[in-house]
Amino acid sequence: MSTNRISDDQWSKLVAFLRGHARVYVGQEEKCRRFVEGVFWIMRSGSQWRYLPQEYGSWNTVYKRFARWCDHGVWEQMHTWFAGDPDMESILLDSTVVRAHPCAAGAPKKKEVRPAKR
């Protein structure tokens, strides 16, 4: 299990925001929290969705819900809503948190090996 969890205080603020959002269905709070923490795990680790630990649920289900929230602007609105709250700083995901593949950061590409000319 990850040690990077949302604190109970942070979750209470987050769930209040989500319940007030017109395009979000929270349903069972425990499952929604698990989903949000799963998304945070993916964003912080830079891993592929299919490697999401099972403790967060099915990777495909988590991805589909994440994509739906992206389409509805939930993540962007959440970022804007909590940007001024220093207690929520650790849950805000931006480019300083998200990991990229080494080639995206300018790592040299493998060179093609060609047979020697005769």
PDB file of N, CA and C in Angstrom:
ATOM      1  N   MET A   1       0.824  -1.195   0.000  1.00  0.00           N
ATOM      2  CA  MET A   1       0.000   0.000   0.000  1.00  0.00           C
ATOM      3  C   MET A   1       0.864   1.253   0.000  1.00  0.00           C
ATOM      4  N   SER A   2       0.375   2.251  -0.627  1.00  0.00           N
ATOM      5  CA  SER A   2       1.084   3.520  -0.718  1.00  0.00           C
ATOM      6  C   SER A   2       0.985   4.284   0.591  1.00  0.00           C
ATOM      7  N   THR A   3       2.043   5.016   0.915  1.00  0.00           N
ATOM      8  CA  THR A   3       2.006   5.860   2.104  1.00  0.00           C
ATOM      9  C   THR A   3       1.536   7.266   1.762  1.00  0.00           C
ATOM     10  N   ASN A   4       1.334   7.525   0.489  1.00  0.00           N
ATOM     11  CA  ASN A   4       0.884   8.838   0.016  1.00  0.00           C
ATOM     12  C   ASN A   4      -0.630   8.850  -0.076  1.00  0.00           C
ATOM     13  N   ARG A   5      -1.288   9.034   1.024  1.00  0.00           N
ATOM     14  CA  ARG A   5      -2.750   9.028   1.068  1.00  0.00           C
ATOM     15  C   ARG A   5      -3.278  10.427   1.331  1.00  0.00           C
ATOM     16  N   ILE A   6      -4.531  10.627   0.993  1.00  0.00           N
ATOM     17  CA  ILE A   6      -5.205  11.874   1.295  1.00  0.00           C
ATOM     18  C   ILE A   6      -5.594  11.828   2.767  1.00  0.00           C
ATOM     19  N   SER A   7      -5.262  12.880   3.504  1.00  0.00           N
ATOM     20  CA  SER A   7      -5.621  12.906   4.921  1.00  0.00           C
ATOM     21  C   SER A   7      -7.133  13.050   5.058  1.00  0.00           C
ATOM     22  N   ASP A   8      -7.650  12.729   6.235  1.00  0.00           N
ATOM     23  CA  ASP A   8      -9.092  12.837   6.461  1.00  0.00           C
ATOM     24  C   ASP A   8      -9.572  14.277   6.324  1.00  0.00           C
ATOM     25  N   ASP A   9      -8.776  15.235   6.777  1.00  0.00           N
ATOM     26  CA  ASP A   9      -9.154  16.650   6.641  1.00  0.00           C
ATOM     27  C   ASP A   9      -9.212  17.056   5.165  1.00  0.00           C
ATOM     28  N   GLN A  10      -8.212  16.636   4.408  1.00  0.00           N
ATOM     29  CA  GLN A  10      -8.197  16.935   2.980  1.00  0.00           C
ATOM     30  C   GLN A  10      -9.376  16.275   2.281  1.00  0.00           C
ATOM     31  N   TRP A  11      -9.660  15.035   2.645  1.00  0.00           N
ATOM     32  CA  TRP A  11     -10.762  14.326   2.010  1.00  0.00           C
ATOM     33  C   TRP A  11     -12.102  15.003   2.300  1.00  0.00           C
ATOM     34  N   SER A  12     -12.301  15.491   3.516  1.00  0.00           N
ATOM     35  CA  SER A  12     -13.576  16.141   3.834  1.00  0.00           C
ATOM     36  C   SER A  12     -13.777  17.387   2.962  1.00  0.00           C
ATOM     37  N   LYS A  13     -12.706  18.152   2.711  1.00  0.00           N
ATOM     38  CA  LYS A  13     -12.806  19.316   1.824  1.00  0.00           C
ATOM     39  C   LYS A  13     -13.043  18.874   0.385  1.00  0.00           C
ATOM     40  N   LEU A  14     -12.338  17.841  -0.011  1.00  0.00           N
ATOM     41  CA  LEU A  14     -12.432  17.344  -1.380  1.00  0.00           C
ATOM     42  C   LEU A  14     -13.818  16.779  -1.681  1.00  0.00           C
ATOM     43  N   VAL A  15     -14.365  15.991  -0.766  1.00  0.00           N
ATOM     44  CA  VAL A  15     -15.680  15.395  -0.993  1.00  0.00           C
ATOM     45  C   VAL A  15     -16.765  16.470  -0.969  1.00  0.00           C
ATOM     46  N   ALA A  16     -16.588  17.513  -0.182  1.00  0.00           N
ATOM     47  CA  ALA A  16     -17.551  18.622  -0.193  1.00  0.00           C
ATOM     48  C   ALA A  16     -17.554  19.302  -1.561  1.00  0.00           C
ATOM     49  N   PHE A  17     -16.366  19.502  -2.137  1.00  0.00           N
ATOM     50  CA  PHE A  17     -16.268  20.066  -3.479  1.00  0.00           C
ATOM     51  C   PHE A  17     -16.944  19.154  -4.499  1.00  0.00           C
ATOM     52  N   LEU A  18     -16.649  17.854  -4.427  1.00  0.00           N
ATOM     53  CA  LEU A  18     -17.194  16.905  -5.390  1.00  0.00           C
ATOM     54  C   LEU A  18     -18.712  16.801  -5.301  1.00  0.00           C
ATOM     55  N   ARG A  19     -19.252  16.809  -4.099  1.00  0.00           N
ATOM     56  CA  ARG A  19     -20.704  16.728  -3.929  1.00  0.00           C
ATOM     57  C   ARG A  19     -21.395  17.967  -4.491  1.00  0.00           C
ATOM     58  N   GLY A  20     -20.708  19.098  -4.480  1.00  0.00           N
ATOM     59  CA  GLY A  20     -21.274  20.325  -5.017  1.00  0.00           C
ATOM     60  C   GLY A  20     -21.105  20.476  -6.518  1.00  0.00           C
ATOM     61  N   HIS A  21     -20.361  19.583  -7.126  1.00  0.00           N
ATOM     62  CA  HIS A  21     -20.102  19.654  -8.568  1.00  0.00           C
ATOM     63  C   HIS A  21     -21.255  18.980  -9.319  1.00  0.00           C
ATOM     64  N   ALA A  22     -21.789  19.656 -10.299  1.00  0.00           N
ATOM     65  CA  ALA A  22     -22.952  19.161 -11.036  1.00  0.00           C
ATOM     66  C   ALA A  22     -22.661  17.912 -11.862  1.00  0.00           C
ATOM     67  N   ARG A  23     -21.427  17.711 -12.299  1.00  0.00           N
ATOM     68  CA  ARG A  23     -21.097  16.600 -13.203  1.00  0.00           C
ATOM     69  C   ARG A  23     -20.444  15.417 -12.503  1.00  0.00           C
ATOM     70  N   VAL A  24     -20.439  15.413 -11.155  1.00  0.00           N
ATOM     71  CA  VAL A  24     -19.778  14.342 -10.409  1.00  0.00           C
ATOM     72  C   VAL A  24     -20.801  13.590  -9.564  1.00  0.00           C
ATOM     73  N   TYR A  25     -20.739  12.268  -9.647  1.00  0.00           N
ATOM     74  CA  TYR A  25     -21.540  11.420  -8.764  1.00  0.00           C
ATOM     75  C   TYR A  25     -20.573  10.767  -7.789  1.00  0.00           C
ATOM     76  N   VAL A  26     -20.714  11.108  -6.516  1.00  0.00           N
ATOM     77  CA  VAL A  26     -19.806  10.579  -5.494  1.00  0.00           C
ATOM     78  C   VAL A  26     -20.206   9.159  -5.115  1.00  0.00           C
ATOM     79  N   GLY A  27     -21.482   8.897  -4.919  1.00  0.00           N
ATOM     80  CA  GLY A  27     -21.937   7.564  -4.531  1.00  0.00           C
ATOM     81  C   GLY A  27     -21.379   7.187  -3.169  1.00  0.00           C
ATOM     82  N   GLN A  28     -20.803   5.998  -3.084  1.00  0.00           N
ATOM     83  CA  GLN A  28     -20.202   5.558  -1.825  1.00  0.00           C
ATOM     84  C   GLN A  28     -18.880   6.288  -1.638  1.00  0.00           C
ATOM     85  N   GLU A  29     -18.798   7.016  -0.556  1.00  0.00           N
ATOM     86  CA  GLU A  29     -17.635   7.869  -0.313  1.00  0.00           C
ATOM     87  C   GLU A  29     -16.325   7.089  -0.306  1.00  0.00           C
ATOM     88  N   GLU A  30     -16.351   5.895   0.262  1.00  0.00           N
ATOM     89  CA  GLU A  30     -15.130   5.083   0.353  1.00  0.00           C
ATOM     90  C   GLU A  30     -14.604   4.711  -1.036  1.00  0.00           C
ATOM     91  N   LYS A  31     -15.507   4.345  -1.946  1.00  0.00           N
ATOM     92  CA  LYS A  31     -15.100   3.974  -3.302  1.00  0.00           C
ATOM     93  C   LYS A  31     -14.610   5.192  -4.082  1.00  0.00           C
ATOM     94  N   CYS A  32     -15.248   6.328  -3.862  1.00  0.00           N
ATOM     95  CA  CYS A  32     -14.815   7.553  -4.530  1.00  0.00           C
ATOM     96  C   CYS A  32     -13.422   7.956  -4.049  1.00  0.00           C
ATOM     97  N   ARG A  33     -13.180   7.825  -2.747  1.00  0.00           N
ATOM     98  CA  ARG A  33     -11.860   8.157  -2.199  1.00  0.00           C
ATOM     99  C   ARG A  33     -10.792   7.232  -2.776  1.00  0.00           C
ATOM    100  N   ARG A  34     -11.131   5.956  -2.884  1.00  0.00           N
ATOM    101  CA  ARG A  34     -10.182   4.983  -3.447  1.00  0.00           C
ATOM    102  C   ARG A  34      -9.853   5.347  -4.894  1.00  0.00           C
ATOM    103  N   PHE A  35     -10.874   5.761  -5.652  1.00  0.00           N
ATOM    104  CA  PHE A  35     -10.670   6.185  -7.035  1.00  0.00           C
ATOM    105  C   PHE A  35      -9.738   7.396  -7.110  1.00  0.00           C
ATOM    106  N   VAL A  36     -10.012   8.419  -6.310  1.00  0.00           N
ATOM    107  CA  VAL A  36      -9.205   9.644  -6.339  1.00  0.00           C
ATOM    108  C   VAL A  36      -7.758   9.328  -5.951  1.00  0.00           C
ATOM    109  N   GLU A  37      -7.581   8.509  -4.926  1.00  0.00           N
ATOM    110  CA  GLU A  37      -6.222   8.139  -4.528  1.00  0.00           C
ATOM    111  C   GLU A  37      -5.527   7.319  -5.609  1.00  0.00           C
ATOM    112  N   GLY A  38      -6.278   6.503  -6.338  1.00  0.00           N
ATOM    113  CA  GLY A  38      -5.711   5.748  -7.458  1.00  0.00           C
ATOM    114  C   GLY A  38      -5.219   6.670  -8.568  1.00  0.00           C
ATOM    115  N   VAL A  39      -6.009   7.700  -8.871  1.00  0.00           N
ATOM    116  CA  VAL A  39      -5.596   8.681  -9.881  1.00  0.00           C
ATOM    117  C   VAL A  39      -4.335   9.405  -9.411  1.00  0.00           C
ATOM    118  N   PHE A  40      -4.298   9.790  -8.150  1.00  0.00           N
ATOM    119  CA  PHE A  40      -3.112  10.470  -7.621  1.00  0.00           C
ATOM    120  C   PHE A  40      -1.896   9.555  -7.689  1.00  0.00           C
ATOM    121  N   TRP A  41      -2.087   8.246  -7.438  1.00  0.00           N
ATOM    122  CA  TRP A  41      -0.976   7.305  -7.510  1.00  0.00           C
ATOM    123  C   TRP A  41      -0.413   7.266  -8.929  1.00  0.00           C
ATOM    124  N   ILE A  42      -1.305   7.191  -9.915  1.00  0.00           N
ATOM    125  CA  ILE A  42      -0.873   7.165 -11.321  1.00  0.00           C
ATOM    126  C   ILE A  42      -0.116   8.443 -11.669  1.00  0.00           C
ATOM    127  N   MET A  43      -0.665   9.584 -11.298  1.00  0.00           N
ATOM    128  CA  MET A  43      -0.048  10.862 -11.658  1.00  0.00           C
ATOM    129  C   MET A  43       1.310  11.048 -10.987  1.00  0.00           C
ATOM    130  N   ARG A  44       1.440  10.613  -9.762  1.00  0.00           N
ATOM    131  CA  ARG A  44       2.718  10.773  -9.054  1.00  0.00           C
ATOM    132  C   ARG A  44       3.763   9.768  -9.504  1.00  0.00           C
ATOM    133  N   SER A  45       3.316   8.562  -9.867  1.00  0.00           N
ATOM    134  CA  SER A  45       4.284   7.519 -10.236  1.00  0.00           C
ATOM    135  C   SER A  45       4.684   7.601 -11.707  1.00  0.00           C
ATOM    136  N   GLY A  46       3.803   8.125 -12.547  1.00  0.00           N
ATOM    137  CA  GLY A  46       4.075   8.156 -13.975  1.00  0.00           C
ATOM    138  C   GLY A  46       3.904   6.797 -14.623  1.00  0.00           C
ATOM    139  N   SER A  47       3.296   5.876 -13.923  1.00  0.00           N
ATOM    140  CA  SER A  47       3.115   4.520 -14.403  1.00  0.00           C
ATOM    141  C   SER A  47       2.004   4.445 -15.452  1.00  0.00           C
ATOM    142  N   GLN A  48       1.974   3.355 -16.178  1.00  0.00           N
ATOM    143  CA  GLN A  48       0.885   3.102 -17.114  1.00  0.00           C
ATOM    144  C   GLN A  48      -0.355   2.702 -16.313  1.00  0.00           C
ATOM    145  N   TRP A  49      -1.513   2.996 -16.853  1.00  0.00           N
ATOM    146  CA  TRP A  49      -2.755   2.692 -16.148  1.00  0.00           C
ATOM    147  C   TRP A  49      -2.861   1.216 -15.793  1.00  0.00           C
ATOM    148  N   ARG A  50      -2.422   0.342 -16.669  1.00  0.00           N
ATOM    149  CA  ARG A  50      -2.599  -1.086 -16.410  1.00  0.00           C
ATOM    150  C   ARG A  50      -1.759  -1.584 -15.227  1.00  0.00           C
ATOM    151  N   TYR A  51      -0.829  -0.766 -14.739  1.00  0.00           N
ATOM    152  CA  TYR A  51      -0.018  -1.154 -13.584  1.00  0.00           C
ATOM    153  C   TYR A  51      -0.529  -0.556 -12.277  1.00  0.00           C
ATOM    154  N   LEU A  52      -1.722   0.018 -12.316  1.00  0.00           N
ATOM    155  CA  LEU A  52      -2.341   0.547 -11.102  1.00  0.00           C
ATOM    156  C   LEU A  52      -2.543  -0.599 -10.118  1.00  0.00           C
ATOM    157  N   PRO A  53      -2.074  -0.456  -8.868  1.00  0.00           N
ATOM    158  CA  PRO A  53      -2.271  -1.532  -7.884  1.00  0.00           C
ATOM    159  C   PRO A  53      -3.760  -1.857  -7.706  1.00  0.00           C
ATOM    160  N   GLN A  54      -4.056  -3.125  -7.533  1.00  0.00           N
ATOM    161  CA  GLN A  54      -5.439  -3.604  -7.422  1.00  0.00           C
ATOM    162  C   GLN A  54      -6.181  -2.969  -6.245  1.00  0.00           C
ATOM    163  N   GLU A  55      -5.467  -2.481  -5.242  1.00  0.00           N
ATOM    164  CA  GLU A  55      -6.118  -1.867  -4.081  1.00  0.00           C
ATOM    165  C   GLU A  55      -6.947  -0.637  -4.463  1.00  0.00           C
ATOM    166  N   TYR A  56      -6.674  -0.073  -5.638  1.00  0.00           N
ATOM    167  CA  TYR A  56      -7.428   1.093  -6.106  1.00  0.00           C
ATOM    168  C   TYR A  56      -8.581   0.701  -7.020  1.00  0.00           C
ATOM    169  N   GLY A  57      -8.722  -0.563  -7.317  1.00  0.00           N
ATOM    170  CA  GLY A  57      -9.781  -1.039  -8.193  1.00  0.00           C
ATOM    171  C   GLY A  57      -9.231  -1.422  -9.548  1.00  0.00           C
ATOM    172  N   SER A  58     -10.127  -1.781 -10.440  1.00  0.00           N
ATOM    173  CA  SER A  58      -9.743  -2.168 -11.800  1.00  0.00           C
ATOM    174  C   SER A  58      -9.148  -0.955 -12.523  1.00  0.00           C
ATOM    175  N   TRP A  59      -7.985  -1.138 -13.121  1.00  0.00           N
ATOM    176  CA  TRP A  59      -7.318  -0.012 -13.782  1.00  0.00           C
ATOM    177  C   TRP A  59      -8.194   0.581 -14.878  1.00  0.00           C
ATOM    178  N   ASN A  60      -8.930  -0.266 -15.597  1.00  0.00           N
ATOM    179  CA  ASN A  60      -9.747   0.218 -16.694  1.00  0.00           C
ATOM    180  C   ASN A  60     -10.924   1.050 -16.184  1.00  0.00           C
ATOM    181  N   THR A  61     -11.536   0.635 -15.099  1.00  0.00           N
ATOM    182  CA  THR A  61     -12.636   1.387 -14.498  1.00  0.00           C
ATOM    183  C   THR A  61     -12.146   2.736 -13.997  1.00  0.00           C
ATOM    184  N   VAL A  62     -10.998   2.726 -13.321  1.00  0.00           N
ATOM    185  CA  VAL A  62     -10.429   3.978 -12.803  1.00  0.00           C
ATOM    186  C   VAL A  62     -10.093   4.905 -13.964  1.00  0.00           C
ATOM    187  N   TYR A  63      -9.507   4.356 -15.024  1.00  0.00           N
ATOM    188  CA  TYR A  63      -9.156   5.189 -16.178  1.00  0.00           C
ATOM    189  C   TYR A  63     -10.393   5.804 -16.826  1.00  0.00           C
ATOM    190  N   LYS A  64     -11.429   4.994 -17.034  1.00  0.00           N
ATOM    191  CA  LYS A  64     -12.643   5.507 -17.679  1.00  0.00           C
ATOM    192  C   LYS A  64     -13.266   6.642 -16.876  1.00  0.00           C
ATOM    193  N   ARG A  65     -13.308   6.496 -15.553  1.00  0.00           N
ATOM    194  CA  ARG A  65     -13.869   7.553 -14.707  1.00  0.00           C
ATOM    195  C   ARG A  65     -12.979   8.789 -14.745  1.00  0.00           C
ATOM    196  N   PHE A  66     -11.664   8.580 -14.718  1.00  0.00           N
ATOM    197  CA  PHE A  66     -10.713   9.688 -14.823  1.00  0.00           C
ATOM    198  C   PHE A  66     -10.938  10.459 -16.124  1.00  0.00           C
ATOM    199  N   ALA A  67     -11.062   9.734 -17.229  1.00  0.00           N
ATOM    200  CA  ALA A  67     -11.262  10.362 -18.537  1.00  0.00           C
ATOM    201  C   ALA A  67     -12.580  11.133 -18.586  1.00  0.00           C
ATOM    202  N   ARG A  68     -13.622  10.576 -17.994  1.00  0.00           N
ATOM    203  CA  ARG A  68     -14.919  11.261 -17.942  1.00  0.00           C
ATOM    204  C   ARG A  68     -14.802  12.571 -17.175  1.00  0.00           C
ATOM    205  N   TRP A  69     -14.101  12.534 -16.042  1.00  0.00           N
ATOM    206  CA  TRP A  69     -13.905  13.751 -15.239  1.00  0.00           C
ATOM    207  C   TRP A  69     -13.072  14.764 -16.027  1.00  0.00           C
ATOM    208  N   CYS A  70     -12.108  14.292 -16.823  1.00  0.00           N
ATOM    209  CA  CYS A  70     -11.321  15.198 -17.670  1.00  0.00           C
ATOM    210  C   CYS A  70     -12.236  15.888 -18.678  1.00  0.00           C
ATOM    211  N   ASP A  71     -13.078  15.106 -19.321  1.00  0.00           N
ATOM    212  CA  ASP A  71     -13.996  15.650 -20.326  1.00  0.00           C
ATOM    213  C   ASP A  71     -14.943  16.687 -19.734  1.00  0.00           C
ATOM    214  N   HIS A  72     -15.291  16.509 -18.465  1.00  0.00           N
ATOM    215  CA  HIS A  72     -16.235  17.409 -17.804  1.00  0.00           C
ATOM    216  C   HIS A  72     -15.528  18.565 -17.084  1.00  0.00           C
ATOM    217  N   GLY A  73     -14.200  18.590 -17.130  1.00  0.00           N
ATOM    218  CA  GLY A  73     -13.439  19.678 -16.523  1.00  0.00           C
ATOM    219  C   GLY A  73     -13.335  19.614 -15.014  1.00  0.00           C
ATOM    220  N   VAL A  74     -13.600  18.460 -14.430  1.00  0.00           N
ATOM    221  CA  VAL A  74     -13.600  18.331 -12.964  1.00  0.00           C
ATOM    222  C   VAL A  74     -12.215  18.582 -12.388  1.00  0.00           C
ATOM    223  N   TRP A  75     -11.186  17.989 -12.974  1.00  0.00           N
ATOM    224  CA  TRP A  75      -9.827  18.132 -12.430  1.00  0.00           C
ATOM    225  C   TRP A  75      -9.364  19.584 -12.497  1.00  0.00           C
ATOM    226  N   GLU A  76      -9.639  20.238 -13.597  1.00  0.00           N
ATOM    227  CA  GLU A  76      -9.249  21.642 -13.753  1.00  0.00           C
ATOM    228  C   GLU A  76      -9.981  22.525 -12.739  1.00  0.00           C
ATOM    229  N   GLN A  77     -11.270  22.286 -12.579  1.00  0.00           N
ATOM    230  CA  GLN A  77     -12.042  23.073 -11.612  1.00  0.00           C
ATOM    231  C   GLN A  77     -11.600  22.793 -10.181  1.00  0.00           C
ATOM    232  N   MET A  78     -11.236  21.542  -9.912  1.00  0.00           N
ATOM    233  CA  MET A  78     -10.732  21.187  -8.583  1.00  0.00           C
ATOM    234  C   MET A  78      -9.425  21.928  -8.305  1.00  0.00           C
ATOM    235  N   HIS A  79      -8.557  21.967  -9.297  1.00  0.00           N
ATOM    236  CA  HIS A  79      -7.280  22.659  -9.142  1.00  0.00           C
ATOM    237  C   HIS A  79      -7.510  24.146  -8.869  1.00  0.00           C
ATOM    238  N   THR A  80      -8.396  24.743  -9.626  1.00  0.00           N
ATOM    239  CA  THR A  80      -8.705  26.168  -9.440  1.00  0.00           C
ATOM    240  C   THR A  80      -9.319  26.424  -8.062  1.00  0.00           C
ATOM    241  N   TRP A  81     -10.225  25.552  -7.654  1.00  0.00           N
ATOM    242  CA  TRP A  81     -10.936  25.708  -6.382  1.00  0.00           C
ATOM    243  C   TRP A  81      -9.979  25.658  -5.194  1.00  0.00           C
ATOM    244  N   PHE A  82      -9.017  24.735  -5.218  1.00  0.00           N
ATOM    245  CA  PHE A  82      -8.138  24.521  -4.069  1.00  0.00           C
ATOM    246  C   PHE A  82      -6.776  25.214  -4.185  1.00  0.00           C
ATOM    247  N   ALA A  83      -6.537  25.942  -5.251  1.00  0.00           N
ATOM    248  CA  ALA A  83      -5.225  26.566  -5.474  1.00  0.00           C
ATOM    249  C   ALA A  83      -4.819  27.508  -4.345  1.00  0.00           C
ATOM    250  N   GLY A  84      -5.761  28.176  -3.729  1.00  0.00           N
ATOM    251  CA  GLY A  84      -5.435  29.128  -2.665  1.00  0.00           C
ATOM    252  C   GLY A  84      -5.421  28.533  -1.272  1.00  0.00           C
ATOM    253  N   ASP A  85      -5.694  27.243  -1.133  1.00  0.00           N
ATOM    254  CA  ASP A  85      -5.757  26.590   0.178  1.00  0.00           C
ATOM    255  C   ASP A  85      -4.454  25.844   0.452  1.00  0.00           C
ATOM    256  N   PRO A  86      -3.610  26.362   1.360  1.00  0.00           N
ATOM    257  CA  PRO A  86      -2.316  25.713   1.608  1.00  0.00           C
ATOM    258  C   PRO A  86      -2.443  24.291   2.173  1.00  0.00           C
ATOM    259  N   ASP A  87      -3.560  23.977   2.812  1.00  0.00           N
ATOM    260  CA  ASP A  87      -3.748  22.628   3.339  1.00  0.00           C
ATOM    261  C   ASP A  87      -3.972  21.601   2.229  1.00  0.00           C
ATOM    262  N   MET A  88      -4.351  22.078   1.045  1.00  0.00           N
ATOM    263  CA  MET A  88      -4.652  21.175  -0.057  1.00  0.00           C
ATOM    264  C   MET A  88      -3.517  21.106  -1.074  1.00  0.00           C
ATOM    265  N   GLU A  89      -2.411  21.740  -0.769  1.00  0.00           N
ATOM    266  CA  GLU A  89      -1.284  21.809  -1.694  1.00  0.00           C
ATOM    267  C   GLU A  89      -0.816  20.433  -2.153  1.00  0.00           C
ATOM    268  N   SER A  90      -0.797  19.462  -1.261  1.00  0.00           N
ATOM    269  CA  SER A  90      -0.250  18.147  -1.605  1.00  0.00           C
ATOM    270  C   SER A  90      -1.152  17.341  -2.531  1.00  0.00           C
ATOM    271  N   ILE A  91      -2.415  17.726  -2.695  1.00  0.00           N
ATOM    272  CA  ILE A  91      -3.287  16.974  -3.595  1.00  0.00           C
ATOM    273  C   ILE A  91      -3.386  17.607  -4.976  1.00  0.00           C
ATOM    274  N   LEU A  92      -2.841  18.807  -5.134  1.00  0.00           N
ATOM    275  CA  LEU A  92      -2.901  19.476  -6.421  1.00  0.00           C
ATOM    276  C   LEU A  92      -1.846  18.880  -7.355  1.00  0.00           C
ATOM    277  N   LEU A  93      -2.303  18.377  -8.471  1.00  0.00           N
ATOM    278  CA  LEU A  93      -1.399  17.764  -9.430  1.00  0.00           C
ATOM    279  C   LEU A  93      -1.118  18.743 -10.551  1.00  0.00           C
ATOM    280  N   ASP A  94       0.148  18.960 -10.816  1.00  0.00           N
ATOM    281  CA  ASP A  94       0.537  19.794 -11.945  1.00  0.00           C
ATOM    282  C   ASP A  94       1.803  19.200 -12.541  1.00  0.00           C
ATOM    283  N   SER A  95       2.402  19.894 -13.464  1.00  0.00           N
ATOM    284  CA  SER A  95       3.549  19.328 -14.166  1.00  0.00           C
ATOM    285  C   SER A  95       4.772  19.132 -13.280  1.00  0.00           C
ATOM    286  N   THR A  96       4.802  19.738 -12.092  1.00  0.00           N
ATOM    287  CA  THR A  96       5.943  19.525 -11.204  1.00  0.00           C
ATOM    288  C   THR A  96       5.835  18.195 -10.471  1.00  0.00           C
ATOM    289  N   VAL A  97       4.649  17.583 -10.479  1.00  0.00           N
ATOM    290  CA  VAL A  97       4.422  16.325  -9.786  1.00  0.00           C
ATOM    291  C   VAL A  97       4.422  15.149 -10.754  1.00  0.00           C
ATOM    292  N   VAL A  98       3.888  15.350 -11.938  1.00  0.00           N
ATOM    293  CA  VAL A  98       3.697  14.271 -12.891  1.00  0.00           C
ATOM    294  C   VAL A  98       5.031  13.869 -13.514  1.00  0.00           C
ATOM    295  N   ARG A  99       5.306  12.576 -13.503  1.00  0.00           N
ATOM    296  CA  ARG A  99       6.541  12.056 -14.071  1.00  0.00           C
ATOM    297  C   ARG A  99       6.342  11.777 -15.565  1.00  0.00           C
ATOM    298  N   ALA A 100       7.408  11.922 -16.292  1.00  0.00           N
ATOM    299  CA  ALA A 100       7.362  11.649 -17.729  1.00  0.00           C
ATOM    300  C   ALA A 100       8.399  10.588 -18.067  1.00  0.00           C
ATOM    301  N   HIS A 101       8.200   9.935 -19.176  1.00  0.00           N
ATOM    302  CA  HIS A 101       9.159   8.950 -19.666  1.00  0.00           C
ATOM    303  C   HIS A 101      10.462   9.687 -19.996  1.00  0.00           C
ATOM    304  N   PRO A 102      11.629   9.051 -19.796  1.00  0.00           N
ATOM    305  CA  PRO A 102      12.901   9.739 -20.058  1.00  0.00           C
ATOM    306  C   PRO A 102      13.013  10.377 -21.440  1.00  0.00           C
ATOM    307  N   CYS A 103      12.431   9.738 -22.466  1.00  0.00           N
ATOM    308  CA  CYS A 103      12.550  10.317 -23.804  1.00  0.00           C
ATOM    309  C   CYS A 103      11.771  11.632 -23.913  1.00  0.00           C
ATOM    310  N   ALA A 104      10.770  11.818 -23.063  1.00  0.00           N
ATOM    311  CA  ALA A 104      10.009  13.076 -23.067  1.00  0.00           C
ATOM    312  C   ALA A 104      10.822  14.201 -22.438  1.00  0.00           C
ATOM    313  N   ALA A 105      11.844  13.839 -21.683  1.00  0.00           N
ATOM    314  CA  ALA A 105      12.677  14.833 -21.014  1.00  0.00           C
ATOM    315  C   ALA A 105      13.965  15.108 -21.777  1.00  0.00           C
ATOM    316  N   GLY A 106      14.072  14.601 -22.990  1.00  0.00           N
ATOM    317  CA  GLY A 106      15.235  14.882 -23.823  1.00  0.00           C
ATOM    318  C   GLY A 106      16.334  13.847 -23.747  1.00  0.00           C
ATOM    319  N   ALA A 107      16.041  12.667 -23.206  1.00  0.00           N
ATOM    320  CA  ALA A 107      17.047  11.612 -23.151  1.00  0.00           C
ATOM    321  C   ALA A 107      17.424  11.203 -24.574  1.00  0.00           C
ATOM    322  N   PRO A 108      18.691  10.857 -24.781  1.00  0.00           N
ATOM    323  CA  PRO A 108      19.097  10.472 -26.141  1.00  0.00           C
ATOM    324  C   PRO A 108      18.375   9.215 -26.595  1.00  0.00           C
ATOM    325  N   LYS A 109      18.050   9.188 -27.875  1.00  0.00           N
ATOM    326  CA  LYS A 109      17.366   8.030 -28.445  1.00  0.00           C
ATOM    327  C   LYS A 109      18.401   6.989 -28.832  1.00  0.00           C
ATOM    328  N   LYS A 110      17.969   5.736 -28.857  1.00  0.00           N
ATOM    329  CA  LYS A 110      18.868   4.660 -29.271  1.00  0.00           C
ATOM    330  C   LYS A 110      19.193   4.844 -30.741  1.00  0.00           C
ATOM    331  N   LYS A 111      20.443   4.657 -31.044  1.00  0.00           N
ATOM    332  CA  LYS A 111      20.872   4.795 -32.440  1.00  0.00           C
ATOM    333  C   LYS A 111      20.703   3.463 -33.151  1.00  0.00           C
ATOM    334  N   GLU A 112      20.320   3.555 -34.395  1.00  0.00           N
ATOM    335  CA  GLU A 112      20.136   2.374 -35.204  1.00  0.00           C
ATOM    336  C   GLU A 112      21.506   1.800 -35.558  1.00  0.00           C
ATOM    337  N   VAL A 113      21.667   0.506 -35.375  1.00  0.00           N
ATOM    338  CA  VAL A 113      22.927  -0.168 -35.704  1.00  0.00           C
ATOM    339  C   VAL A 113      22.819  -0.655 -37.151  1.00  0.00           C
ATOM    340  N   ARG A 114      23.733  -0.162 -37.976  1.00  0.00           N
ATOM    341  CA  ARG A 114      23.738  -0.560 -39.392  1.00  0.00           C
ATOM    342  C   ARG A 114      24.953  -1.450 -39.644  1.00  0.00           C
ATOM    343  N   PRO A 115      24.776  -2.408 -40.524  1.00  0.00           N
ATOM    344  CA  PRO A 115      25.925  -3.273 -40.850  1.00  0.00           C
ATOM    345  C   PRO A 115      27.024  -2.447 -41.519  1.00  0.00           C
ATOM    346  N   ALA A 116      28.240  -2.843 -41.291  1.00  0.00           N
ATOM    347  CA  ALA A 116      29.377  -2.120 -41.875  1.00  0.00           C
ATOM    348  C   ALA A 116      29.375  -2.275 -43.397  1.00  0.00           C
ATOM    349  N   LYS A 117      29.806  -1.230 -44.077  1.00  0.00           N
ATOM    350  CA  LYS A 117      29.895  -1.253 -45.540  1.00  0.00           C
ATOM    351  C   LYS A 117      31.123  -2.035 -45.951  1.00  0.00           C
ATOM    352  N   ARG A 118      31.026  -2.724 -47.068  1.00  0.00           N
ATOM    353  CA  ARG A 118      32.181  -3.495 -47.563  1.00  0.00           C
ATOM    354  C   ARG A 118      32.897  -2.786 -48.622  1.00  0.00           C
TER     355      ARG A 118
END
